[in-house]
């Protein structure tokens, strides 16, 4: 199943928004333009998890994979911005 076949109206609006974002310059500080890879990750099963707290000390069970993703993200951010942990 895909959104294209299940909800063509929403699919058409998503495509229109992609087109708008690619061809329009909007200088709005609160907006982000994510890569396709980020959108893919955000639409994955990782988004199903509520993860309050810190890696290794969450308030809810089943966080092992989420903790690992957050640690990878943290390490990459520290490296990119040349910061310390």
Protein backbone atom coordinates (compact mmCIF):
# COMPACT_ATOMS: atom_id res chain seq x y z
CA UNK A 1 0.00 0.00 0.00
CA UNK A 2 1.03 3.55 -0.59
CA UNK A 3 -0.45 6.94 0.04
CA UNK A 4 -0.56 7.47 -3.74
CA UNK A 5 -3.02 4.62 -4.18
CA UNK A 6 -4.84 4.86 -0.83
CA UNK A 7 -5.37 8.62 -0.67
CA UNK A 8 -4.70 10.30 -4.03
CA UNK A 9 -5.95 13.71 -2.83
CA UNK A 10 -3.40 13.86 -0.01
CA UNK A 11 -0.71 12.46 -2.31
CA UNK A 12 -1.41 15.24 -4.82
CA UNK A 13 -1.09 17.86 -2.06
CA UNK A 14 2.18 16.35 -0.85
CA UNK A 15 3.54 16.47 -4.39
CA UNK A 16 2.37 20.08 -4.74
CA UNK A 17 4.15 20.99 -1.49
CA UNK A 18 7.35 19.32 -2.70
CA UNK A 19 7.13 21.39 -5.88
CA UNK A 20 6.47 24.57 -3.89
CA UNK A 21 9.42 23.97 -1.57
CA UNK A 22 11.78 23.22 -4.45
CA UNK A 23 10.82 26.31 -6.43
CA UNK A 24 10.08 28.95 -3.80
CA UNK A 25 12.37 30.83 -1.45
CA UNK A 26 10.75 31.31 1.96
CA UNK A 27 12.96 32.73 4.69
CA UNK A 28 10.99 31.47 7.67
CA UNK A 29 13.26 30.54 10.63
CA UNK A 30 10.85 27.95 12.02
CA UNK A 31 10.74 25.87 8.81
CA UNK A 32 13.09 23.06 7.88
CA UNK A 33 13.68 21.49 4.50
CA UNK A 34 14.59 17.89 5.21
CA UNK A 35 16.28 15.54 2.82
CA UNK A 36 14.39 12.54 1.46
CA UNK A 37 16.44 10.33 3.79
CA UNK A 38 15.36 12.31 6.87
CA UNK A 39 11.72 12.19 5.75
CA UNK A 40 12.06 8.44 5.26
CA UNK A 41 13.42 7.97 8.78
CA UNK A 42 10.73 10.24 10.24
CA UNK A 43 8.05 8.16 8.54
CA UNK A 44 9.47 4.89 9.83
CA UNK A 45 8.47 2.81 12.85
CA UNK A 46 10.85 4.94 14.91
CA UNK A 47 8.11 7.58 14.95
CA UNK A 48 5.78 5.14 16.75
CA UNK A 49 7.82 5.34 19.95
CA UNK A 50 7.37 7.87 22.74
CA UNK A 51 10.80 8.34 24.25
CA UNK A 52 10.80 10.55 27.32
CA UNK A 53 14.05 10.71 29.25
CA UNK A 54 17.63 9.99 28.23
CA UNK A 55 19.20 6.96 26.55
CA UNK A 56 19.57 4.19 29.10
CA UNK A 57 17.19 5.92 31.51
CA UNK A 58 13.84 6.13 29.74
CA UNK A 59 10.50 6.18 31.49
CA UNK A 60 8.99 3.54 29.19
CA UNK A 61 10.06 0.07 28.08
CA UNK A 62 11.19 -0.97 24.62
CA UNK A 63 13.67 1.84 24.02
CA UNK A 64 16.85 -0.11 23.13
CA UNK A 65 16.80 0.75 19.43
CA UNK A 66 15.62 4.31 20.03
CA UNK A 67 18.48 4.80 22.50
CA UNK A 68 20.98 3.61 19.87
CA UNK A 69 19.52 5.95 17.23
CA UNK A 70 19.71 8.89 19.64
CA UNK A 71 23.32 8.09 20.56
CA UNK A 72 24.29 7.95 16.88
CA UNK A 73 22.53 11.27 16.26
CA UNK A 74 24.26 12.84 19.26
CA UNK A 75 27.70 11.59 18.18
CA UNK A 76 27.18 12.86 14.65
CA UNK A 77 26.03 16.29 15.85
CA UNK A 78 29.05 16.60 18.15
CA UNK A 79 31.35 15.73 15.26
CA UNK A 80 29.67 18.00 12.72
CA UNK A 81 29.69 21.02 15.04
CA UNK A 82 33.10 20.14 16.55
CA UNK A 83 31.72 19.99 20.07
CA UNK A 84 32.50 17.83 23.06
CA UNK A 85 30.13 15.36 24.71
